[in-house]
Amino acid sequence: MSLSAVLSAAVPSPTPSESGTPVVPSLQDAQESATNAAGWVEENWSTWLAIGLRVLLILVIAVVLRFVVRRAITKMVDRMSRTSGPVNPTGLGGLLVNAERRRQRSQAIGSVLRSMASFLILGTAALMVLGTFQINLAPLLASAGVAGVAIGFGARNLVTDFLSGVFMILEDQYGVGDSVDAGVASGEVIEVGLRVTKLRGDNGEIWYVRNGEVKRIGNLSQGWATANVDVTVRSDEDLDRVKATLSEVAEKTGKEEPWNELLWSPIEVLGLDSVLLDSMVVRVSAKTMPGKSLTVERELRWRIKRAFDATGIRIVGGATAVEDVPAADPTAGMAAPSAYASAVSPQSIAASPLPPTNITK
C-alpha cells in the first residue's frame, strides 16, 4: 500500500455542507493521517533501505571493478609496449617493430580492451539494478537481441571492418612505417585504425583502405629484401672476365659506406640466367635491408656499367641484341652509267632510226 493511498484513506475528502461551505478537517483527522503515514513508513522503510543499499553496493562494485580492470589493462599494454622491443636494436629485430609502431599498436589494443571492459561491467551493473527494482528483464533482453541482430545486418560492413582491424592489430600484420601491398592499394603505412588504414602512395597520394576489404597483404618491411640485377652482355664475351669484374664490384661495394649497412649478405654472382644466340644474362643478387632493395639495385647498375666500360665489356640493350653490321655503300646497288644515256654519243647516234626519204613525183 502506497503512501498516497494511506493519506487519501485517512483524510476524507471534504464534502460541501448544506450551506455550501467546505468542511475543514479537524485536528483529530490530521493526527490520524500522520499516524497512518508513520505506520506505513515504519512498515516499509526496511524494504526501501535494503533496495537502496543493494543499488548503492552494485554501483560501487561496478565503478571500483571498472577502475581496477582499466588500470590493469593500461599497465599490461604499457609493459607490452616496453618489453616488445628487440634485445639487439641494430639487428634484424630492430627493424621489425619501431617505437611509433609499438606505441600505436599498444594504444589501439588498450582502447579496444578498455571499451569492452567498460561495456560489460556497466551493462551488467545496469541489468542488476533493474532487477533489484523487480523489473521484468525478459522483454528488455528480447528487444535488445532483436535490435542487435537488426543493427548487425544493417552495419555488417562496419562490423567486418572493425573485427578485421582488431585481428590485424593483435596479429601485428603491419604497422606505421611499413611498406605494404594491400591489393587495392600499396604504399607506406602512415596511420593504423580499427576501421581504416591510411597509406601514402609512391606519388604522394593518400589511400584510405577499409580493413574489411583487405583480402591479402604483403609486408615489404619485415625480414629482409632481395636486390636482383640482370646484366645482359654479348654472347661472345669471356665469361671468366665478366664474372671477375662483377665479383670485384660486389666486393668493393660491400666494404664501402653506407652500402655495408644496407647489405645484409655478400653480393653473389649467381651465374647465367639465360643464354641466347646473340646475348646472355648474368644475375647478381644480395639480401638487403627492408625497403632498400631498389636503392641497392640502382647503385649496383651504376657501378657495373662503369666497371664494364673500364674493362671493355659490352652491355647490350636486351635479350635480342643487334649485331654491329657495317653500313652498306649506298652506291653499291647503282648500275654503271650507260653510253646510250647521252644523245650525242656515237652509240646513241648509231642506234638512232634513219629519217624517212622524200619521194617526189
Protein backbone atom coordinates (compact mmCIF):
# COMPACT_ATOMS: atom_id res chain seq x y z
CA MET A 1 0.00 0.00 0.00
CA SER A 2 1.50 3.33 -1.06
CA LEU A 3 1.84 6.46 1.00
CA SER A 4 -0.65 8.41 -1.10
CA ALA A 5 -3.27 5.71 -0.63
CA VAL A 6 -2.75 5.82 3.13
CA LEU A 7 -3.12 9.57 3.22
CA SER A 8 -6.20 9.54 0.98
CA ALA A 9 -7.84 6.91 3.14
CA ALA A 10 -7.01 8.67 6.40
CA VAL A 11 -8.18 12.11 5.32
CA PRO A 12 -11.71 12.05 3.96
CA SER A 13 -12.42 14.31 1.11
CA PRO A 14 -14.33 17.36 2.17
CA THR A 15 -17.96 17.39 1.19
CA PRO A 16 -19.89 20.54 0.73
CA SER A 17 -22.26 21.30 3.55
CA GLU A 18 -25.78 22.27 3.14
CA SER A 19 -24.76 25.88 3.27
CA GLY A 20 -22.13 25.34 0.56
CA THR A 21 -19.00 25.94 2.71
CA PRO A 22 -16.33 23.18 2.72
CA VAL A 23 -15.71 21.15 5.84
CA VAL A 24 -12.27 21.79 7.36
CA PRO A 25 -10.51 18.64 8.69
CA SER A 26 -10.22 18.61 12.38
CA LEU A 27 -7.06 18.19 14.42
CA GLN A 28 -8.03 14.64 15.19
CA ASP A 29 -8.24 13.79 11.48
CA ALA A 30 -4.79 15.26 10.83
CA GLN A 31 -3.35 13.32 13.76
CA GLU A 32 -4.85 10.11 12.42
CA SER A 33 -3.40 10.73 8.94
CA ALA A 34 0.06 11.36 10.37
CA THR A 35 -0.22 8.21 12.44
CA ASN A 36 -1.12 6.12 9.36
CA ALA A 37 1.74 7.63 7.31
CA ALA A 38 4.22 6.98 10.07
CA GLY A 39 2.99 3.43 10.34
CA TRP A 40 3.42 2.90 6.61
CA VAL A 41 6.96 4.30 6.68
CA GLU A 42 7.79 2.20 9.72
CA GLU A 43 6.43 -0.86 7.97
CA ASN A 44 8.24 -0.39 4.61
CA TRP A 45 11.42 1.53 5.45
CA SER A 46 13.44 -1.63 5.82
CA THR A 47 12.48 -2.78 2.30
CA TRP A 48 13.37 0.54 0.67
CA LEU A 49 16.55 0.79 2.69
CA ALA A 50 17.57 -2.70 1.58
CA ILE A 51 16.85 -1.83 -2.07
CA GLY A 52 18.82 1.43 -1.82
CA LEU A 53 21.77 -0.24 -0.17
CA ARG A 54 21.74 -3.02 -2.75
CA VAL A 55 21.73 -0.49 -5.65
CA LEU A 56 24.48 1.53 -3.99
CA LEU A 57 26.55 -1.60 -3.44
CA ILE A 58 26.12 -2.65 -7.08
CA LEU A 59 27.17 0.78 -8.36
CA VAL A 60 30.17 0.97 -6.03
CA ILE A 61 31.34 -2.51 -7.01
CA ALA A 62 30.87 -1.71 -10.72
CA VAL A 63 32.82 1.56 -10.52
CA VAL A 64 35.66 0.02 -8.49
CA LEU A 65 35.83 -3.05 -10.74
CA ARG A 66 35.86 -0.87 -13.86
CA PHE A 67 38.66 1.27 -12.45
CA VAL A 68 40.74 -1.77 -11.46
CA VAL A 69 40.24 -3.54 -14.80
CA ARG A 70 41.05 -0.45 -16.87
CA ARG A 71 44.14 0.24 -14.78
CA ALA A 72 45.28 -3.37 -15.17
CA ILE A 73 44.75 -3.19 -18.95
CA THR A 74 46.71 0.07 -19.15
CA LYS A 75 49.64 -1.39 -17.20
CA MET A 76 49.61 -4.56 -19.27
CA VAL A 77 49.64 -2.60 -22.54
CA ASP A 78 52.43 -0.31 -21.33
CA ARG A 79 54.51 -3.29 -20.23
CA MET A 80 53.92 -4.98 -23.58
CA SER A 81 54.98 -1.82 -25.38
CA ARG A 82 58.19 -1.59 -23.36
CA THR A 83 59.18 -5.24 -23.49
CA SER A 84 58.31 -5.92 -27.13
CA GLY A 85 61.49 -4.21 -28.28
CA PRO A 86 64.34 -6.41 -29.55
CA VAL A 87 67.32 -7.34 -27.49
CA ASN A 88 69.72 -6.20 -30.22
CA PRO A 89 68.36 -2.95 -31.65
CA THR A 90 70.88 -2.95 -34.52
CA GLY A 91 69.96 -6.38 -35.81
CA LEU A 92 67.05 -7.76 -37.74
CA GLY A 93 64.60 -7.34 -34.89
CA GLY A 94 65.27 -3.63 -34.65
CA LEU A 95 63.55 -3.08 -37.99
CA LEU A 96 60.55 -5.30 -37.41
CA VAL A 97 58.87 -3.08 -34.83
CA ASN A 98 59.77 0.56 -34.31
CA ALA A 99 58.81 2.76 -31.38
CA GLU A 100 55.95 4.54 -33.14
CA ARG A 101 54.52 1.26 -34.35
CA ARG A 102 54.64 -0.27 -30.87
CA ARG A 103 53.08 2.83 -29.35
CA GLN A 104 50.18 2.99 -31.79
CA ARG A 105 49.58 -0.73 -31.66
CA SER A 106 49.53 -0.76 -27.86
CA GLN A 107 47.20 2.25 -27.75
CA ALA A 108 44.76 0.61 -30.16
CA ILE A 109 44.75 -2.67 -28.25
CA GLY A 110 44.35 -0.86 -24.92
CA SER A 111 41.48 1.26 -26.25
CA VAL A 112 39.61 -1.79 -27.51
CA LEU A 113 40.10 -3.76 -24.28
CA ARG A 114 39.12 -0.83 -22.07
CA SER A 115 35.97 -0.15 -24.09
CA MET A 116 34.95 -3.79 -23.97
CA ALA A 117 35.57 -3.99 -20.21
CA SER A 118 33.57 -0.82 -19.53
CA PHE A 119 30.67 -2.02 -21.66
CA LEU A 120 30.49 -5.42 -19.99
CA ILE A 121 30.85 -4.15 -16.42
CA LEU A 122 28.47 -1.19 -16.68
CA GLY A 123 25.94 -3.14 -18.73
CA THR A 124 25.86 -5.95 -16.20
CA ALA A 125 25.52 -3.41 -13.35
CA ALA A 126 22.59 -1.71 -15.09
CA LEU A 127 20.76 -5.01 -15.53
CA MET A 128 21.35 -5.90 -11.87
CA VAL A 129 19.96 -2.52 -10.74
CA LEU A 130 16.82 -3.02 -12.84
CA GLY A 131 16.45 -6.49 -11.40
CA THR A 132 16.69 -5.07 -7.89
CA PHE A 133 13.56 -2.97 -8.54
CA GLN A 134 11.79 -6.21 -9.61
CA ILE A 135 11.52 -5.10 -13.24
CA ASN A 136 10.92 -7.91 -15.70
CA LEU A 137 14.04 -8.02 -17.86
CA ALA A 138 12.82 -10.62 -20.35
CA PRO A 139 11.15 -8.12 -22.77
CA LEU A 140 14.14 -5.80 -22.48
CA LEU A 141 16.63 -8.56 -23.29
CA ALA A 142 14.47 -9.80 -26.16
CA SER A 143 14.20 -6.28 -27.62
CA ALA A 144 17.95 -5.77 -27.24
CA GLY A 145 18.59 -9.06 -29.01
CA VAL A 146 16.32 -8.16 -31.93
CA ALA A 147 17.83 -4.67 -32.15
CA GLY A 148 21.34 -6.14 -32.08
CA VAL A 149 20.52 -8.53 -34.93
CA ALA A 150 18.99 -5.70 -36.98
CA ILE A 151 21.97 -3.43 -36.41
CA GLY A 152 24.33 -6.29 -37.21
CA PHE A 153 22.67 -6.91 -40.58
CA GLY A 154 22.47 -3.21 -41.39
CA ALA A 155 26.05 -2.38 -40.41
CA ARG A 156 27.72 -5.66 -41.32
CA ASN A 157 30.41 -3.87 -43.34
CA LEU A 158 31.26 -1.70 -40.35
CA VAL A 159 31.39 -4.75 -38.08
CA THR A 160 33.59 -6.57 -40.61
CA ASP A 161 35.99 -3.62 -40.81
CA PHE A 162 36.16 -3.36 -37.03
CA LEU A 163 36.80 -7.06 -36.43
CA SER A 164 39.39 -7.17 -39.22
CA GLY A 165 41.17 -4.19 -37.68
CA VAL A 166 41.18 -5.80 -34.24
CA PHE A 167 42.70 -9.04 -35.51
CA MET A 168 45.15 -7.15 -37.71
CA ILE A 169 46.44 -5.24 -34.69
CA LEU A 170 46.50 -8.28 -32.42
CA GLU A 171 48.40 -10.33 -35.03
CA ASP A 172 50.75 -7.42 -35.80
CA GLN A 173 50.39 -7.81 -39.55
CA TYR A 174 51.73 -4.32 -40.29
CA GLY A 175 52.29 -1.01 -38.56
CA VAL A 176 53.25 2.62 -39.03
CA GLY A 177 56.24 2.99 -41.33
CA ASP A 178 55.84 -0.35 -43.11
CA SER A 179 55.69 -0.57 -46.90
CA VAL A 180 52.77 -2.84 -47.75
CA ASP A 181 50.90 -4.10 -50.78
CA ALA A 182 47.23 -4.42 -49.82
CA GLY A 183 46.00 -5.44 -53.24
CA VAL A 184 43.64 -2.49 -53.63
CA ALA A 185 46.48 -0.05 -52.90
CA SER A 186 50.13 -0.05 -51.96
CA GLY A 187 52.43 2.37 -50.17
CA GLU A 188 53.79 3.30 -46.76
CA VAL A 189 51.52 2.96 -43.72
CA ILE A 190 51.06 6.35 -42.04
CA GLU A 191 48.14 5.52 -39.71
CA VAL A 192 46.53 2.33 -38.46
CA GLY A 193 42.94 2.39 -37.23
CA LEU A 194 40.36 -0.17 -36.24
CA ARG A 195 38.26 0.60 -39.33
CA VAL A 196 40.53 2.30 -41.88
CA THR A 197 44.25 2.12 -42.69
CA LYS A 198 45.92 5.12 -44.32
CA LEU A 199 48.66 4.52 -46.91
CA ARG A 200 50.99 7.02 -48.57
CA GLY A 201 51.49 6.07 -52.23
CA ASP A 202 54.66 6.38 -54.28
CA ASN A 203 53.42 9.63 -55.88
CA GLY A 204 52.41 11.18 -52.55
CA GLU A 205 48.72 10.28 -52.66
CA ILE A 206 46.95 9.05 -49.52
CA TRP A 207 44.90 5.87 -49.76
CA TYR A 208 42.14 5.12 -47.25
CA VAL A 209 41.80 1.34 -47.19
CA ARG A 210 38.98 -0.30 -45.23
CA ASN A 211 40.30 -3.17 -43.16
CA GLY A 212 37.42 -5.42 -44.19
CA GLU A 213 38.30 -5.01 -47.89
CA VAL A 214 41.85 -6.31 -47.49
CA LYS A 215 41.86 -9.95 -48.61
CA ARG A 216 45.62 -10.38 -48.69
CA ILE A 217 48.50 -8.15 -47.74
CA GLY A 218 52.22 -8.23 -48.37
CA ASN A 219 54.53 -6.54 -45.88
CA LEU A 220 57.69 -5.36 -47.59
CA SER A 221 59.30 -4.04 -44.40
CA GLN A 222 59.65 -7.19 -42.32
CA GLY A 223 62.58 -9.58 -42.50
CA TRP A 224 64.75 -8.72 -45.49
CA ALA A 225 64.52 -7.74 -49.15
CA THR A 226 66.34 -9.03 -52.22
CA ALA A 227 68.19 -6.90 -54.76
CA ASN A 228 68.47 -8.62 -58.15
CA VAL A 229 70.37 -7.13 -61.09
CA ASP A 230 70.37 -8.79 -64.51
CA VAL A 231 73.30 -7.85 -66.76
CA THR A 232 72.92 -8.62 -70.47
CA VAL A 233 76.20 -8.96 -72.39
CA ARG A 234 77.18 -10.23 -75.83
CA SER A 235 77.30 -13.95 -76.34
CA ASP A 236 80.96 -13.86 -77.38
CA GLU A 237 82.19 -12.19 -74.16
CA ASP A 238 84.63 -14.03 -71.93
CA LEU A 239 82.60 -15.40 -69.00
CA ASP A 240 85.59 -15.56 -66.68
CA ARG A 241 86.36 -11.90 -67.26
CA VAL A 242 82.68 -10.95 -66.77
CA LYS A 243 82.50 -12.90 -63.50
CA ALA A 244 85.78 -11.46 -62.22
CA THR A 245 84.61 -7.91 -62.95
CA LEU A 246 81.25 -8.47 -61.22
CA SER A 247 82.96 -10.07 -58.20
CA GLU A 248 85.29 -7.10 -57.90
CA VAL A 249 82.36 -4.68 -57.99
CA ALA A 250 80.48 -6.75 -55.38
CA GLU A 251 83.44 -6.90 -53.01
CA LYS A 252 84.16 -3.19 -53.30
CA THR A 253 80.51 -2.25 -52.77
CA GLY A 254 80.21 -4.41 -49.66
CA LYS A 255 83.13 -2.60 -47.99
CA GLU A 256 82.03 0.98 -48.60
CA GLU A 257 79.60 3.03 -46.55
CA PRO A 258 76.63 3.24 -46.42
CA TRP A 259 76.23 0.12 -48.54
CA ASN A 260 77.87 -2.12 -45.96
CA GLU A 261 74.96 -1.32 -43.61
CA LEU A 262 72.27 -1.74 -46.26
CA LEU A 263 73.65 -5.10 -47.40
CA TRP A 264 72.78 -7.95 -45.06
CA SER A 265 74.67 -10.58 -47.05
CA PRO A 266 77.57 -10.58 -49.52
CA ILE A 267 76.69 -9.76 -53.12
CA GLU A 268 76.70 -13.02 -55.08
CA VAL A 269 77.18 -13.62 -58.79
CA LEU A 270 74.61 -16.35 -59.32
CA GLY A 271 75.71 -17.13 -62.87
CA LEU A 272 73.96 -17.28 -66.23
CA ASP A 273 70.25 -16.70 -66.02
CA SER A 274 69.62 -17.20 -69.74
CA VAL A 275 71.66 -17.79 -72.91
CA LEU A 276 70.52 -16.77 -76.38
CA LEU A 277 72.16 -16.81 -79.80
CA ASP A 278 73.35 -13.22 -79.61
CA SER A 279 73.31 -12.43 -75.84
CA MET A 280 73.47 -13.87 -72.35
CA VAL A 281 72.15 -12.67 -69.00
CA VAL A 282 74.21 -12.80 -65.78
CA ARG A 283 72.32 -12.34 -62.49
CA VAL A 284 73.73 -10.63 -59.39
CA SER A 285 71.81 -10.90 -56.10
CA ALA A 286 72.07 -9.79 -52.47
CA LYS A 287 69.93 -9.57 -49.32
CA THR A 288 69.32 -6.01 -48.22
CA MET A 289 67.61 -4.01 -45.52
CA PRO A 290 63.81 -3.99 -45.98
CA GLY A 291 62.71 -1.25 -48.34
CA LYS A 292 66.24 -0.61 -49.66
CA SER A 293 66.38 -3.14 -52.49
CA LEU A 294 65.70 -0.57 -55.23
CA THR A 295 68.42 1.71 -53.86
CA VAL A 296 70.96 -1.11 -53.87
CA GLU A 297 69.93 -2.21 -57.36
CA ARG A 298 70.44 1.29 -58.79
CA GLU A 299 73.88 1.56 -57.19
CA LEU A 300 74.91 -1.86 -58.48
CA ARG A 301 73.84 -0.99 -62.05
CA TRP A 302 75.82 2.24 -61.85
CA ARG A 303 78.98 0.50 -60.63
CA ILE A 304 78.68 -2.43 -63.03
CA LYS A 305 78.30 -0.12 -66.03
CA ARG A 306 81.38 1.87 -65.06
CA ALA A 307 83.41 -1.30 -64.42
CA PHE A 308 82.38 -2.81 -67.76
CA ASP A 309 83.29 0.38 -69.59
CA ALA A 310 86.72 0.32 -67.96
CA THR A 311 87.37 -3.30 -68.95
CA GLY A 312 85.84 -3.07 -72.43
CA ILE A 313 82.90 -5.40 -71.83
CA ARG A 314 79.90 -4.51 -73.97
CA ILE A 315 76.43 -4.36 -72.43
CA VAL A 316 73.67 -4.94 -74.93
CA GLY A 317 70.22 -3.46 -74.67
CA GLY A 318 68.04 -6.51 -74.31
CA ALA A 319 67.54 -10.23 -74.75
CA THR A 320 67.68 -9.92 -78.51
CA ALA A 321 70.88 -7.97 -79.13
CA VAL A 322 71.57 -6.44 -82.54
CA GLU A 323 74.96 -7.22 -84.08
CA ASP A 324 77.09 -4.33 -85.30
CA VAL A 325 76.95 -4.67 -89.11
CA PRO A 326 78.93 -2.18 -91.26
CA ALA A 327 76.71 0.21 -93.11
CA ALA A 328 76.19 -0.69 -96.76
CA ASP A 329 77.56 1.53 -99.52
CA PRO A 330 74.60 3.47 -100.90
CA THR A 331 76.18 3.40 -104.39
CA ALA A 332 76.78 -0.32 -104.38
CA GLY A 333 73.37 -1.10 -105.82
CA MET A 334 73.58 1.53 -108.56
CA ALA A 335 74.36 0.44 -112.16
CA ALA A 336 77.19 1.98 -114.16
CA PRO A 337 76.18 4.88 -116.42
CA SER A 338 75.19 3.72 -119.91
CA ALA A 339 76.64 5.13 -123.14
CA TYR A 340 73.15 5.41 -124.52
CA ALA A 341 72.24 7.92 -121.81
CA SER A 342 73.90 10.69 -123.86
CA ALA A 343 72.16 11.68 -127.11
CA VAL A 344 75.41 12.79 -128.75
CA SER A 345 77.38 9.65 -128.03
CA PRO A 346 78.39 7.54 -131.07
CA GLN A 347 76.40 4.63 -129.72
CA SER A 348 73.24 6.72 -129.47
CA ILE A 349 73.76 8.15 -133.00
CA ALA A 350 74.36 4.72 -134.47
CA ALA A 351 71.26 3.39 -132.80
CA SER A 352 69.05 6.28 -133.89
CA PRO A 353 66.50 5.38 -136.64
CA LEU A 354 67.09 6.72 -140.12
CA PRO A 355 64.84 9.59 -141.22
CA PRO A 356 62.30 8.72 -143.94
CA THR A 357 63.22 9.66 -147.53
CA ASN A 358 61.01 12.10 -149.51
CA ILE A 359 59.84 10.75 -152.90
CA THR A 360 58.74 13.44 -155.31
CA LYS A 361 56.75 12.72 -158.38
